[in-house]
Every structure is written in C-alpha cells, then in structure tokens.
C-alpha cells in the first residue's frame, strides 16, 4: 500500500494568553497548548495553519523533517 507523508509542524507556546482575547485562549487550547513552554507536533493542514496564524504572536513554529 502507498502511504503519503503528511508534513508536520512543531509548535511551542512562548507567551501567556493572560490579557488576550478569549478567542485566542480557546485557539491555544485547541492546538493542545495552555501553558508556557508546552510543545506539540501536529499535521500540517489548512485548519491548523489558520489557527497558527491567529496566535502567531504567542507561539514559535518549526517544520518537522
């Protein structure tokens, strides 16, 4: 069977959501981040990319090879 490799993204929360819009806090939780220095590796798709763009000032993004 042929397996397609899905590109992955590693994200790390660098800043706190305190004092931010409640929507941004919910986006961080949906990405699996709710405390500073938490890291998650997620599949790169349009939904995840859209959420990352909304909170890009609070996180750091790296591509996993």
C-alpha atoms as a PDB file:
ATOM      1  CA  UNK A   1       0.000   0.000   0.000  1.00  0.00           C
ATOM      2  CA  UNK A   2       1.202   3.509  -0.790  1.00  0.00           C
ATOM      3  CA  UNK A   3       1.489   5.815   2.207  1.00  0.00           C
ATOM      4  CA  UNK A   4       1.507   9.569   1.772  1.00  0.00           C
ATOM      5  CA  UNK A   5       3.718  11.522   4.109  1.00  0.00           C
ATOM      6  CA  UNK A   6       1.808  14.362   5.690  1.00  0.00           C
ATOM      7  CA  UNK A   7       4.017  17.334   6.572  1.00  0.00           C
ATOM      8  CA  UNK A   8       4.189  18.002  10.298  1.00  0.00           C
ATOM      9  CA  UNK A   9       4.597  21.212  12.251  1.00  0.00           C
ATOM     10  CA  UNK A  10       6.114  21.556  15.711  1.00  0.00           C
ATOM     11  CA  UNK A  11       4.674  24.446  17.722  1.00  0.00           C
ATOM     12  CA  UNK A  12       5.801  25.794  21.096  1.00  0.00           C
ATOM     13  CA  UNK A  13       3.959  28.315  23.239  1.00  0.00           C
ATOM     14  CA  UNK A  14       6.239  31.181  24.246  1.00  0.00           C
ATOM     15  CA  UNK A  15       3.862  33.743  25.742  1.00  0.00           C
ATOM     16  CA  UNK A  16       0.911  33.647  28.097  1.00  0.00           C
ATOM     17  CA  UNK A  17      -2.682  34.209  26.918  1.00  0.00           C
ATOM     18  CA  UNK A  18      -3.422  36.331  30.018  1.00  0.00           C
ATOM     19  CA  UNK A  19      -4.894  39.648  28.920  1.00  0.00           C
ATOM     20  CA  UNK A  20      -5.561  38.368  25.401  1.00  0.00           C
ATOM     21  CA  UNK A  21      -8.835  37.898  23.610  1.00  0.00           C
ATOM     22  CA  UNK A  22     -10.803  34.859  24.875  1.00  0.00           C
ATOM     23  CA  UNK A  23     -10.878  33.519  21.311  1.00  0.00           C
ATOM     24  CA  UNK A  24      -7.073  33.358  21.242  1.00  0.00           C
ATOM     25  CA  UNK A  25      -7.052  31.418  24.515  1.00  0.00           C
ATOM     26  CA  UNK A  26      -9.502  28.873  23.051  1.00  0.00           C
ATOM     27  CA  UNK A  27      -7.346  28.521  19.930  1.00  0.00           C
ATOM     28  CA  UNK A  28      -4.286  27.726  22.074  1.00  0.00           C
ATOM     29  CA  UNK A  29      -6.253  25.059  23.955  1.00  0.00           C
ATOM     30  CA  UNK A  30      -7.487  23.544  20.697  1.00  0.00           C
ATOM     31  CA  UNK A  31      -3.879  23.360  19.477  1.00  0.00           C
ATOM     32  CA  UNK A  32      -3.007  21.493  22.686  1.00  0.00           C
ATOM     33  CA  UNK A  33      -1.191  24.417  24.280  1.00  0.00           C
ATOM     34  CA  UNK A  34      -2.325  26.037  27.517  1.00  0.00           C
ATOM     35  CA  UNK A  35       0.881  26.658  29.447  1.00  0.00           C
ATOM     36  CA  UNK A  36       4.130  28.357  28.501  1.00  0.00           C
ATOM     37  CA  UNK A  37       6.834  26.074  27.016  1.00  0.00           C
ATOM     38  CA  UNK A  38       4.392  23.335  26.010  1.00  0.00           C
ATOM     39  CA  UNK A  39       5.187  21.746  22.652  1.00  0.00           C
ATOM     40  CA  UNK A  40       3.005  19.841  20.212  1.00  0.00           C
ATOM     41  CA  UNK A  41       3.671  18.208  16.871  1.00  0.00           C
ATOM     42  CA  UNK A  42       0.654  18.452  14.580  1.00  0.00           C
ATOM     43  CA  UNK A  43      -0.133  17.535  10.994  1.00  0.00           C
ATOM     44  CA  UNK A  44       0.024  20.496   8.668  1.00  0.00           C
ATOM     45  CA  UNK A  45      -3.414  21.179   7.202  1.00  0.00           C
ATOM     46  CA  UNK A  46      -5.425  24.289   6.438  1.00  0.00           C
ATOM     47  CA  UNK A  47      -7.288  24.242   9.783  1.00  0.00           C
ATOM     48  CA  UNK A  48      -4.099  24.084  11.838  1.00  0.00           C
ATOM     49  CA  UNK A  49      -2.388  26.726   9.678  1.00  0.00           C
ATOM     50  CA  UNK A  50      -5.374  29.054  10.170  1.00  0.00           C
ATOM     51  CA  UNK A  51      -5.258  28.627  13.950  1.00  0.00           C
ATOM     52  CA  UNK A  52      -1.498  29.221  13.983  1.00  0.00           C
ATOM     53  CA  UNK A  53      -1.946  32.473  12.055  1.00  0.00           C
ATOM     54  CA  UNK A  54      -4.402  33.737  14.697  1.00  0.00           C
ATOM     55  CA  UNK A  55      -1.953  33.211  17.580  1.00  0.00           C
ATOM     56  CA  UNK A  56       1.408  33.553  15.804  1.00  0.00           C
ATOM     57  CA  UNK A  57       2.485  36.262  18.268  1.00  0.00           C
ATOM     58  CA  UNK A  58       2.229  33.765  21.171  1.00  0.00           C
ATOM     59  CA  UNK A  59       3.920  30.706  19.615  1.00  0.00           C
ATOM     60  CA  UNK A  60       7.003  29.557  17.723  1.00  0.00           C
ATOM     61  CA  UNK A  61       6.579  27.315  14.665  1.00  0.00           C
ATOM     62  CA  UNK A  62       9.070  24.827  13.188  1.00  0.00           C
ATOM     63  CA  UNK A  63       8.693  22.300  10.400  1.00  0.00           C
ATOM     64  CA  UNK A  64       9.486  18.688  11.273  1.00  0.00           C
ATOM     65  CA  UNK A  65      11.537  16.856   8.671  1.00  0.00           C
END
